[in-house]
Protein backbone atom coordinates (compact mmCIF):
# COMPACT_ATOMS: atom_id res chain seq x y z
CA MET A 1 61.96 112.17 120.50
CA PRO A 2 63.41 109.75 123.10
CA THR A 3 63.17 110.94 126.70
CA ASN A 4 66.23 109.22 128.19
CA LEU A 5 69.84 108.85 127.13
CA ALA A 6 69.92 105.07 126.75
CA GLU A 7 66.89 105.10 124.47
CA ALA A 8 68.31 108.03 122.51
CA ARG A 9 71.60 106.20 121.90
CA GLU A 10 69.75 103.12 120.67
CA ARG A 11 67.48 105.09 118.34
CA LEU A 12 70.32 107.20 116.95
CA ALA A 13 72.43 104.13 116.25
CA ARG A 14 69.48 102.56 114.50
CA ALA A 15 68.82 105.72 112.48
CA ASN A 16 72.42 105.62 111.20
CA ARG A 17 71.99 102.02 110.05
CA LEU A 18 68.50 102.63 108.67
CA ILE A 19 69.48 105.61 106.50
CA ALA A 20 72.53 103.68 105.30
CA ASN A 21 70.34 100.69 104.44
CA GLU A 22 68.23 102.97 102.24
CA GLY A 23 71.30 103.96 100.21
CA VAL A 24 71.81 107.52 101.47
CA LEU A 25 74.93 106.86 103.57
CA ASP A 26 77.88 104.64 102.74
CA ALA A 27 81.22 104.37 104.56
CA PHE A 28 81.05 108.13 105.10
CA GLY A 29 78.46 110.57 106.37
CA HIS A 30 76.83 110.71 109.79
CA VAL A 31 73.61 111.28 111.69
CA SER A 32 73.24 113.15 115.00
CA MET A 33 70.50 114.16 117.38
CA ARG A 34 70.19 116.77 120.08
CA HIS A 35 70.56 115.42 123.62
CA PRO A 36 67.12 114.34 124.88
CA THR A 37 67.32 116.34 128.13
CA ASP A 38 70.10 118.91 127.58
CA PRO A 39 69.70 121.16 124.50
CA THR A 40 73.28 122.39 124.92
CA ARG A 41 74.61 118.96 123.94
CA TYR A 42 74.17 116.58 121.05
CA LEU A 43 74.81 112.89 120.35
CA LEU A 44 76.98 111.55 117.53
CA SER A 45 78.77 108.28 116.89
CA ARG A 46 82.51 107.80 117.08
CA SER A 47 84.12 107.68 113.64
CA ARG A 48 82.58 104.61 112.09
CA GLY A 49 80.70 103.63 108.94
CA PRO A 50 77.02 104.46 109.60
CA GLU A 51 75.87 100.95 108.70
CA LEU A 52 77.94 99.61 111.60
CA VAL A 53 76.98 102.08 114.34
CA GLN A 54 75.74 100.62 117.64
CA ALA A 55 74.45 102.28 120.79
CA ASP A 56 77.84 101.93 122.50
CA ASP A 57 79.41 104.01 119.74
CA ILE A 58 77.28 107.07 120.53
CA LEU A 59 79.12 109.89 122.35
CA GLU A 60 78.03 113.22 123.85
CA PHE A 61 79.31 116.56 122.56
CA ASP A 62 78.78 120.17 123.58
CA LEU A 63 77.67 122.68 120.95
CA ASP A 64 81.32 123.59 120.31
CA SER A 65 81.59 119.96 119.16
CA GLN A 66 83.94 118.99 121.97
CA PRO A 67 83.38 115.57 123.57
CA VAL A 68 81.89 115.78 127.06
CA LYS A 69 84.18 112.96 128.21
CA PRO A 70 87.75 112.34 127.01
CA PRO A 71 87.38 110.14 123.93
CA THR A 72 88.93 106.70 123.68
CA ALA A 73 88.17 106.36 119.96
CA ARG A 74 88.63 108.42 116.83
CA LEU A 75 85.97 111.11 116.27
CA TYR A 76 84.36 112.36 113.07
CA SER A 77 86.38 115.28 111.75
CA GLU A 78 83.26 117.07 110.43
CA ARG A 79 81.28 117.09 113.66
CA VAL A 80 81.27 120.92 113.64
CA ILE A 81 78.57 120.64 110.96
CA HIS A 82 76.26 119.36 113.66
CA GLY A 83 77.32 121.58 116.53
CA GLU A 84 77.10 124.84 114.57
CA ILE A 85 73.66 124.04 113.14
CA TYR A 86 72.34 123.13 116.59
CA LYS A 87 73.68 126.46 117.84
CA ALA A 88 71.99 128.41 115.06
CA ARG A 89 68.70 126.47 114.94
CA PRO A 90 66.96 125.71 118.27
CA ASP A 91 64.16 124.04 116.29
CA VAL A 92 66.53 121.43 114.82
CA ASN A 93 66.86 118.19 116.80
CA ALA A 94 68.45 115.87 114.23
CA ILE A 95 70.92 116.25 111.36
CA CYS A 96 72.16 114.00 108.56
CA HIS A 97 75.24 114.78 106.48
CA HIS A 98 75.71 112.58 103.40
CA HIS A 99 77.24 112.26 99.91
CA ALA A 100 74.50 110.31 98.10
CA LEU A 101 75.29 109.67 94.44
CA SER A 102 72.08 111.21 93.09
CA ILE A 103 72.77 114.42 95.04
CA LEU A 104 76.37 114.88 93.91
CA PRO A 105 75.59 115.87 90.27
CA PHE A 106 73.72 118.91 91.65
CA CYS A 107 76.63 119.73 93.96
CA ILE A 108 79.04 119.53 91.02
CA SER A 109 77.00 121.25 88.32
CA GLY A 110 75.29 123.91 90.40
CA MET A 111 71.92 122.97 88.89
CA GLU A 112 69.11 123.81 91.28
CA LEU A 113 67.59 120.87 93.14
CA LYS A 114 63.81 121.19 93.00
CA PRO A 115 60.93 119.09 94.33
CA VAL A 116 59.55 117.16 91.38
CA ASP A 117 57.23 114.77 93.21
CA HIS A 118 55.05 115.03 96.29
CA LEU A 119 57.43 113.14 98.59
CA GLY A 120 60.34 115.25 97.41
CA ALA A 121 58.46 118.28 98.73
CA THR A 122 59.89 117.47 102.15
CA MET A 123 63.22 119.00 101.08
CA GLY A 124 61.53 122.41 101.38
CA GLU A 125 60.65 125.15 98.93
CA THR A 126 64.28 126.25 98.55
CA VAL A 127 67.52 124.28 98.74
CA PRO A 128 70.43 126.75 99.08
CA PHE A 129 74.02 126.14 97.96
CA TRP A 130 77.08 126.55 100.15
CA ASP A 131 80.48 126.89 98.50
CA SER A 132 83.46 126.64 100.86
CA ARG A 133 85.61 128.59 98.38
CA ASP A 134 83.56 131.75 98.88
CA GLU A 135 84.92 132.29 102.39
CA PHE A 136 87.78 129.85 102.82
CA GLY A 137 89.42 129.50 99.42
CA GLU A 138 90.89 126.16 98.44
CA THR A 139 90.61 123.52 101.17
CA ASN A 140 90.41 119.75 101.35
CA LEU A 141 86.60 120.28 101.19
CA LEU A 142 86.01 118.85 104.66
CA VAL A 143 84.11 121.02 107.14
CA THR A 144 86.38 120.71 110.16
CA LYS A 145 86.71 124.22 111.59
CA PRO A 146 84.04 125.98 113.67
CA ALA A 147 84.07 128.95 111.28
CA GLU A 148 83.35 126.59 108.37
CA GLY A 149 80.51 124.93 110.24
CA ALA A 150 79.06 128.31 111.19
CA SER A 151 79.22 129.43 107.57
CA LEU A 152 77.35 126.29 106.49
CA ALA A 153 74.72 126.93 109.17
CA ARG A 154 74.22 130.47 107.84
CA ALA A 155 73.74 129.11 104.34
CA LEU A 156 71.15 126.64 105.61
CA GLY A 157 69.38 129.53 107.31
CA SER A 158 65.73 128.74 107.95
CA HIS A 159 65.70 125.97 105.31
CA TRP A 160 65.92 122.22 105.89
CA THR A 161 68.41 121.08 103.25
CA VAL A 162 71.62 122.67 102.01
CA LEU A 163 73.81 121.49 99.13
CA MET A 164 77.57 121.72 99.53
CA ARG A 165 79.45 122.41 96.30
CA ARG A 166 81.67 119.49 95.23
CA HIS A 167 80.88 117.71 98.49
CA GLY A 168 77.36 116.54 99.43
CA ALA A 169 74.35 117.66 101.41
CA THR A 170 73.31 118.38 104.98
CA VAL A 171 69.73 117.79 106.07
CA ALA A 172 68.02 119.00 109.25
CA GLY A 173 64.86 117.85 111.00
CA ARG A 174 62.79 118.33 114.12
CA THR A 175 63.05 114.62 114.94
CA LEU A 176 65.16 111.64 113.92
CA GLU A 177 62.23 110.20 112.01
CA GLU A 178 61.72 113.47 110.14
CA VAL A 179 65.38 113.81 109.19
CA ALA A 180 65.38 110.23 107.89
CA PHE A 181 62.22 110.91 105.86
CA ARG A 182 63.61 114.13 104.43
CA ALA A 183 67.07 112.73 103.65
CA ILE A 184 65.77 109.59 101.95
CA TYR A 185 63.09 111.25 99.84
CA THR A 186 65.32 114.17 98.85
CA VAL A 187 67.87 111.70 97.49
CA ARG A 188 65.13 109.89 95.56
CA ASN A 189 63.76 113.19 94.28
CA ALA A 190 67.23 114.06 92.97
CA ALA A 191 67.38 110.79 91.04
CA LEU A 192 63.92 111.43 89.57
CA GLN A 193 64.88 114.96 88.56
CA ILE A 194 67.96 113.71 86.70
CA GLN A 195 65.94 110.98 84.97
CA ALA A 196 63.21 113.44 84.00
CA HIS A 197 65.81 115.77 82.45
CA LEU A 198 66.78 112.93 80.12
CA LEU A 199 63.20 112.84 78.83
CA GLY A 200 62.81 116.58 78.35
CA MET A 201 61.64 119.59 80.31
CA VAL A 202 61.13 119.15 84.05
CA ALA A 203 58.02 120.68 85.60
CA PRO A 204 58.70 120.96 89.35
CA LEU A 205 56.11 121.51 92.05
CA THR A 206 54.99 125.08 92.63
CA LYS A 207 55.83 126.74 95.94
CA GLU A 208 52.29 126.21 97.20
CA GLU A 209 52.27 122.56 96.11
CA THR A 210 55.60 122.09 97.85
CA ARG A 211 54.27 123.64 101.05
CA LEU A 212 51.02 121.67 101.03
CA ALA A 213 52.65 118.34 100.14
CA GLY A 214 55.50 118.88 102.58
CA ASP A 215 53.13 119.66 105.44
CA HIS A 216 51.08 116.56 104.67
CA ASN A 217 54.01 114.18 104.34
CA LEU A 218 55.71 115.40 107.51
CA ALA A 219 52.63 114.83 109.64
CA PRO A 220 53.09 112.08 112.25
CA GLY A 221 51.10 109.49 110.29
CA PRO A 222 53.11 109.42 107.05
CA VAL A 223 56.46 109.84 108.84
CA MET A 224 55.85 106.94 111.21
CA ARG A 225 54.45 104.76 108.41
CA ALA A 226 57.70 105.20 106.50
CA TRP A 227 59.80 104.79 109.66
CA GLU A 228 58.07 101.48 110.44
CA TYR A 229 58.63 100.27 106.86
CA TRP A 230 62.32 101.22 106.85
CA ASN A 231 62.78 99.55 110.25
CA ALA A 232 61.28 96.33 108.87
CA ARG A 233 63.68 96.51 105.92
CA LEU A 234 66.59 97.07 108.32
CA ASP A 235 65.53 94.10 110.46
CA LYS A 236 65.45 91.93 107.34
CA ALA A 237 68.86 93.19 106.20
CA GLU A 238 70.33 92.49 109.64
CA GLY A 239 68.80 89.02 109.77
CA ARG A 240 66.34 89.82 112.54
CA ALA A 241 62.66 89.06 112.86
CA PRO A 242 60.46 92.12 112.21
CA ARG A 243 60.06 94.17 115.38
CA ALA A 244 56.29 93.53 115.69
CA ARG A 245 56.86 89.78 115.55
CA ARG A 246 59.57 89.98 118.18
CA ASN A 247 57.12 91.73 120.50
CA GLU A 248 54.45 89.09 119.89
CA ALA A 249 56.93 86.34 120.63
CA ARG A 250 57.82 87.63 124.10
CA PRO A 251 56.90 85.24 126.95
CA ARG A 252 53.58 86.10 128.53
CA SER A 253 53.52 86.97 132.21
CA ARG A 254 52.17 84.51 134.74
CA ALA A 255 49.45 86.96 135.70
CA SER A 256 48.16 87.24 132.15
CA SER A 257 48.31 83.45 131.72
CA ALA A 258 46.36 82.96 134.92
CA GLY A 259 43.76 85.45 133.77
CA ARG A 260 43.27 83.55 130.54
CA LYS A 261 42.81 80.28 132.42
CA ILE A 262 40.11 81.81 134.62
CA ARG A 263 38.34 83.36 131.65
CA GLY A 264 38.63 80.06 129.79
CA GLY A 265 37.13 78.21 132.76
CA ARG A 266 34.16 80.55 132.85
CA LYS A 267 33.50 80.00 129.17
CA LYS A 268 33.41 76.27 129.73
């Protein structure tokens, strides 16, 4: 995780755009991260489409989801989703709430979302459902009250993904990179599960396969490999040179240039 606030804002803004670029987020949904030095706060953008979020849009909130500084822009109405999960889960450092199209059929039908391929195992062995009607009756389906956010956090429990009936999904992770990995591959797993149902019976992973595959895929190597790939795709979408090339193109320091001249002279 980033170790200073400026870096955290930049990475969180980029995570919003990256997850949107992979088709998980559209005009709605949001990504947050716990404050890099104060676990009693978290970072979240002002109300803006995730694909547009920049570092300057990122604001600080306490765990009651109140802005640390008086806001000058509109805030997300569902920020209590983030604050209440951070309260309940000290191990969670990043959260993504989304309404991806392949997830919504499960939210509407109540059919259980199951890992059907090895990358989908990152959703976890169990994906619980949360139905706002159970505790709050008929609402506008938005999670805007602390009690609603706390109820969602209880439904998530010790799991990493929770489906929200007639609404969408909320995904938790230990890092920004992990939450991106889990959110993206859970959405793709959902699409595969629907497609497989059209062909016949679906044979999901066993619990042990899910555990083993999930542990492997969430190791630093696979997570960072995917993160690098998605960053390259985002750079291309935003019309930028890939990040590695930008680093190579930076002007060399005088000291390093001088060193090369001396070494070159010795070779001659």
